[in-house]
Protein backbone atom coordinates (compact mmCIF):
# COMPACT_ATOMS: atom_id res chain seq x y z
CA ARG A 1 85.69 67.07 127.55
CA ILE A 2 84.66 63.51 129.32
CA ALA A 3 82.83 64.61 132.22
CA ARG A 4 80.44 66.81 129.57
CA ARG A 5 79.63 64.10 127.26
CA THR A 6 79.28 61.24 130.02
CA GLY A 7 76.95 63.60 132.78
CA LEU A 8 79.32 62.22 135.34
CA HIS A 9 81.61 64.52 137.92
CA VAL A 10 85.50 64.17 137.10
CA VAL A 11 87.33 66.07 140.04
CA MET A 12 90.88 66.89 139.65
CA GLY A 13 93.02 66.94 142.13
CA THR A 14 95.80 68.65 143.09
CA GLY A 15 99.33 68.90 145.28
CA TRP A 16 101.80 66.12 144.80
CA TYR A 17 101.55 62.15 145.77
CA ARG A 18 104.45 60.72 147.39
CA GLN A 19 108.09 61.82 147.62
CA PRO A 20 109.06 58.92 145.00
CA TYR A 21 106.46 60.72 142.69
CA TYR A 22 107.45 64.11 143.17
CA PRO A 23 108.50 65.98 139.55
CA PRO A 24 111.82 67.29 139.69
CA GLU A 25 110.29 70.81 138.22
CA ALA A 26 107.93 70.45 141.81
CA LEU A 27 111.41 71.71 143.13
CA VAL A 28 109.70 70.19 146.41
CA ASP A 29 113.11 69.87 148.24
CA ARG A 30 113.96 73.43 147.70
CA ARG A 31 110.51 75.59 148.02
CA SER A 32 109.30 76.44 151.47
CA VAL A 33 105.93 75.52 152.75
CA GLY A 34 104.22 78.87 152.55
CA GLU A 35 105.73 78.86 148.53
CA LEU A 36 103.95 75.13 148.03
CA ALA A 37 100.64 76.27 149.50
CA ASP A 38 100.59 78.96 146.83
CA VAL A 39 100.72 76.67 143.84
CA MET A 40 98.22 74.90 144.51
CA ILE A 41 96.35 77.76 146.07
CA ARG A 42 96.73 79.44 142.58
CA GLU A 43 95.15 76.48 140.75
CA LEU A 44 92.45 75.72 142.70
CA GLU A 45 91.31 79.46 142.44
CA GLU A 46 92.58 79.98 138.99
CA GLY A 47 92.98 76.13 137.00
CA VAL A 48 95.77 74.93 136.09
CA ALA A 49 97.78 76.29 133.77
CA GLY A 50 97.63 74.16 130.15
CA SER A 51 94.10 72.92 131.13
CA GLU A 52 92.50 75.73 128.77
CA ASP A 53 89.07 74.53 127.13
CA GLU A 54 87.65 75.78 123.71
CA ALA A 55 85.93 79.17 125.58
CA GLY A 56 89.89 79.60 127.28
CA GLU A 57 89.03 78.49 130.66
CA ARG A 58 91.12 76.20 132.86
CA VAL A 59 90.14 73.24 135.11
CA ARG A 60 89.93 74.23 138.42
CA PRO A 61 90.67 70.96 140.80
CA GLY A 62 88.35 69.91 143.39
CA ILE A 63 90.05 68.31 146.13
CA ILE A 64 93.73 68.25 147.24
CA GLY A 65 95.60 64.85 146.75
CA GLU A 66 95.43 61.88 147.14
CA ILE A 67 98.75 62.92 149.05
CA GLY A 68 100.53 60.14 150.70
CA CYS A 69 104.06 59.01 152.37
CA HIS A 70 105.54 56.06 150.76
CA LYS A 71 106.96 54.15 153.93
CA PRO A 72 105.32 54.03 156.93
CA TRP A 73 106.19 57.13 158.31
CA LEU A 74 106.35 61.06 156.75
CA THR A 75 109.62 62.12 155.57
CA ALA A 76 111.19 65.44 155.69
CA GLN A 77 110.01 66.17 152.06
CA GLU A 78 106.43 64.45 152.93
CA GLU A 79 106.31 66.48 155.72
CA ARG A 80 106.69 69.53 154.11
CA VAL A 81 104.20 68.82 151.12
CA PHE A 82 101.31 67.53 153.90
CA ARG A 83 101.89 71.22 156.12
CA ALA A 84 101.47 73.07 152.64
CA CYS A 85 98.24 71.01 151.99
CA GLY A 86 96.98 72.06 155.53
CA ARG A 87 97.58 75.82 154.59
CA ALA A 88 96.01 75.25 151.40
CA SER A 89 92.87 73.47 153.14
CA ARG A 90 92.39 76.49 155.64
CA ALA A 91 92.68 79.09 152.97
CA THR A 92 90.40 77.46 149.72
CA GLY A 93 87.96 75.35 151.66
CA MET A 94 89.20 72.37 149.85
CA ALA A 95 89.23 68.93 151.37
CA VAL A 96 92.30 66.96 151.59
CA THR A 97 92.27 63.09 151.01
CA THR A 98 95.93 61.01 151.74
CA HIS A 99 97.70 58.01 150.83
CA ALA A 100 97.93 56.01 154.21
CA VAL A 101 98.96 52.24 153.74
CA MET A 102 99.32 49.18 155.70
CA SER A 103 99.88 51.11 158.85
CA PRO A 104 98.84 53.50 160.95
CA VAL A 105 100.53 56.75 159.62
CA GLY A 106 97.09 58.13 158.30
CA LEU A 107 96.71 59.41 162.11
CA ARG A 108 100.53 61.50 161.88
CA GLN A 109 99.24 62.40 158.84
CA LEU A 110 96.05 64.02 160.09
CA GLU A 111 98.14 65.82 163.21
CA VAL A 112 100.44 67.15 160.54
CA LEU A 113 97.53 68.85 158.71
CA GLU A 114 96.15 70.25 161.92
CA GLU A 115 99.14 71.72 162.99
CA ALA A 116 98.76 73.41 159.68
CA GLY A 117 95.36 74.89 159.85
CA ALA A 118 93.41 72.48 157.87
CA ASP A 119 89.78 71.57 160.02
CA PRO A 120 89.85 67.70 160.56
CA SER A 121 86.48 67.31 159.08
CA ARG A 122 87.78 68.38 155.73
CA VAL A 123 90.36 65.47 155.78
CA VAL A 124 90.02 61.85 154.46
CA ILE A 125 92.54 59.38 155.32
CA GLY A 126 92.58 56.70 152.37
CA HIS A 127 93.22 53.12 151.91
CA SER A 128 92.30 52.63 155.52
CA ASP A 129 90.70 49.59 155.09
CA SER A 130 94.65 48.27 154.21
CA TYR A 131 94.72 48.74 158.20
CA PRO A 132 91.50 47.53 159.39
CA VAL A 133 92.72 47.92 163.55
CA LEU A 134 89.13 49.39 165.33
CA ASP A 135 91.41 51.43 167.53
CA HIS A 136 93.12 53.47 164.42
CA TRP A 137 89.61 54.28 162.72
CA LEU A 138 88.16 55.24 165.85
CA ALA A 139 90.75 57.32 166.78
CA ILE A 140 90.91 59.49 163.50
CA VAL A 141 86.70 59.16 163.56
CA GLU A 142 87.20 60.92 166.99
CA ARG A 143 89.43 63.68 166.23
CA GLY A 144 86.79 65.04 163.25
CA ALA A 145 88.42 63.17 159.75
CA SER A 146 86.92 60.41 157.60
CA ILE A 147 88.43 57.21 156.44
CA GLU A 148 88.19 55.83 153.34
CA CYS A 149 87.67 52.08 152.44
CA ASP A 150 88.75 52.23 148.81
CA PHE A 151 91.08 48.78 148.44
CA LEU A 152 87.65 46.68 148.03
CA GLY A 153 88.45 44.47 144.95
CA MET A 154 91.62 45.02 144.81
CA SER A 155 93.74 41.37 144.98
CA PHE A 156 97.52 41.89 144.56
CA THR A 157 98.41 40.25 148.60
CA PRO A 158 96.41 37.65 150.37
CA MET A 159 95.16 40.22 152.92
CA GLU A 160 93.25 42.32 149.53
CA ARG A 161 92.01 38.85 148.58
CA ARG A 162 91.18 37.10 151.98
CA GLY A 163 90.28 40.54 153.97
CA GLU A 164 87.24 42.08 152.95
CA PRO A 165 84.78 40.10 155.60
CA ARG A 166 87.22 42.00 158.27
CA VAL A 167 86.48 45.18 156.48
CA ILE A 168 83.04 44.66 156.84
CA GLU A 169 82.76 43.56 160.41
CA LEU A 170 85.01 46.85 161.03
CA ILE A 171 82.55 48.93 158.69
CA LEU A 172 79.34 47.06 161.32
CA ARG A 173 81.28 48.52 164.54
CA MET A 174 81.56 52.09 163.10
CA LEU A 175 77.73 52.16 161.95
CA GLU A 176 76.63 51.14 165.53
CA ARG A 177 78.97 53.92 167.10
CA GLY A 178 77.26 55.96 165.18
CA PHE A 179 80.23 57.09 162.76
CA GLY A 180 78.49 56.20 159.36
CA ASP A 181 78.74 60.24 158.76
CA ARG A 182 82.59 59.55 158.80
CA LEU A 183 82.57 56.84 156.40
CA LEU A 184 83.58 56.62 152.68
CA LEU A 185 84.25 53.74 150.09
CA SER A 186 85.90 53.73 147.05
CA GLN A 187 87.68 51.77 144.53
CA ASP A 188 91.71 52.77 143.72
CA VAL A 189 91.44 50.64 140.14
CA CYS A 190 95.48 52.00 138.91
CA ASP A 191 96.60 49.13 137.70
CA ASN A 192 96.02 47.71 134.22
CA SER A 193 95.33 44.04 135.80
CA GLN A 194 92.52 45.76 137.52
CA LEU A 195 90.16 45.97 134.53
CA THR A 196 87.50 43.30 133.73
CA PHE A 197 89.55 43.35 130.50
CA TYR A 198 92.20 41.37 132.11
CA GLY A 199 90.44 39.53 134.45
CA GLY A 200 90.32 42.67 137.47
CA ASN A 201 87.03 43.12 139.07
CA GLY A 202 86.88 46.61 136.77
CA TYR A 203 85.06 49.96 138.12
CA THR A 204 81.71 48.42 139.00
CA TYR A 205 82.66 45.93 142.12
CA LEU A 206 81.66 48.46 144.73
CA GLN A 207 78.20 48.60 143.60
CA GLU A 208 77.61 45.31 142.41
CA THR A 209 79.55 43.31 145.05
CA PHE A 210 80.40 44.81 147.95
CA LEU A 211 77.20 47.46 148.90
CA PRO A 212 74.67 44.29 148.51
CA ARG A 213 77.44 42.41 150.59
CA LEU A 214 76.61 45.04 153.04
CA ARG A 215 72.91 44.92 152.91
CA GLU A 216 73.05 41.24 153.31
CA ARG A 217 74.83 42.13 156.86
CA GLY A 218 71.87 44.14 158.06
CA VAL A 219 72.92 47.81 156.60
CA SER A 220 70.02 49.98 155.72
CA GLU A 221 69.60 51.69 152.26
CA ALA A 222 69.22 55.10 153.98
CA GLU A 223 73.02 54.26 155.96
CA ILE A 224 74.33 52.93 152.29
CA GLU A 225 73.25 56.45 150.88
CA ARG A 226 75.09 58.05 153.48
CA ILE A 227 77.91 56.96 152.91
CA THR A 228 78.03 56.52 148.65
CA VAL A 229 76.42 59.76 148.92
CA GLU A 230 75.68 62.52 151.42
CA ASN A 231 80.03 61.94 153.19
CA PRO A 232 81.14 62.51 149.31
CA ARG A 233 78.33 65.25 148.42
CA ARG A 234 80.18 66.72 152.09
CA ILE A 235 83.87 66.20 151.61
CA LEU A 236 83.57 67.72 147.90
CA THR A 237 81.52 71.02 148.33
CA ILE A 238 83.54 74.01 148.99
CA ALA A 239 83.89 74.70 153.10
CA GLY A 240 82.63 78.51 153.44
């Protein structure tokens, strides 16, 4: 209803976030990789039960994720979910977006997804700006996956409040190396304190503050168009 009223594309995800948040009814600890994959494939192809609109049509997710790790490593249950997501991605052509915070665990996530059959070009390693290490970013994009800087405008920690110049430097270095097609920018607005009503940066920080800072550093309009429009369009387009 929100999408129809506003004209915005609101994209639903499928899958299970990270282990402390797995709902008991998902039975992640009891189901096989194949059974978990089947749950996601069914939602992606047939729609989510209980989401029927006035015409009886179900909402179908447009991406797998955000799936992630609670710690800087994958637990056994999280690895099971990642392998199921890799299978579901291969079967449906959907992209996968991950949660990889303040560690190089995103590279391990990518390895597991690939082992399960996912195309790395359909994988986005999220929160990459929380681990601003150039070699790590390069290792991900050189395998064909994308990195997403989405802690933009966050201010929970000193790193988030003061780390933006480092993130901008890394983005510039990635562009210099020709990896503009593997960069995504976003905002992980996940807490009331981030809303402008409560003194946060709100939902417009990327457009109003971050992109102007990239322009000041010489990033062209064509490069910004690629990062903010073309790359998300490619990820959210269902692969054949």
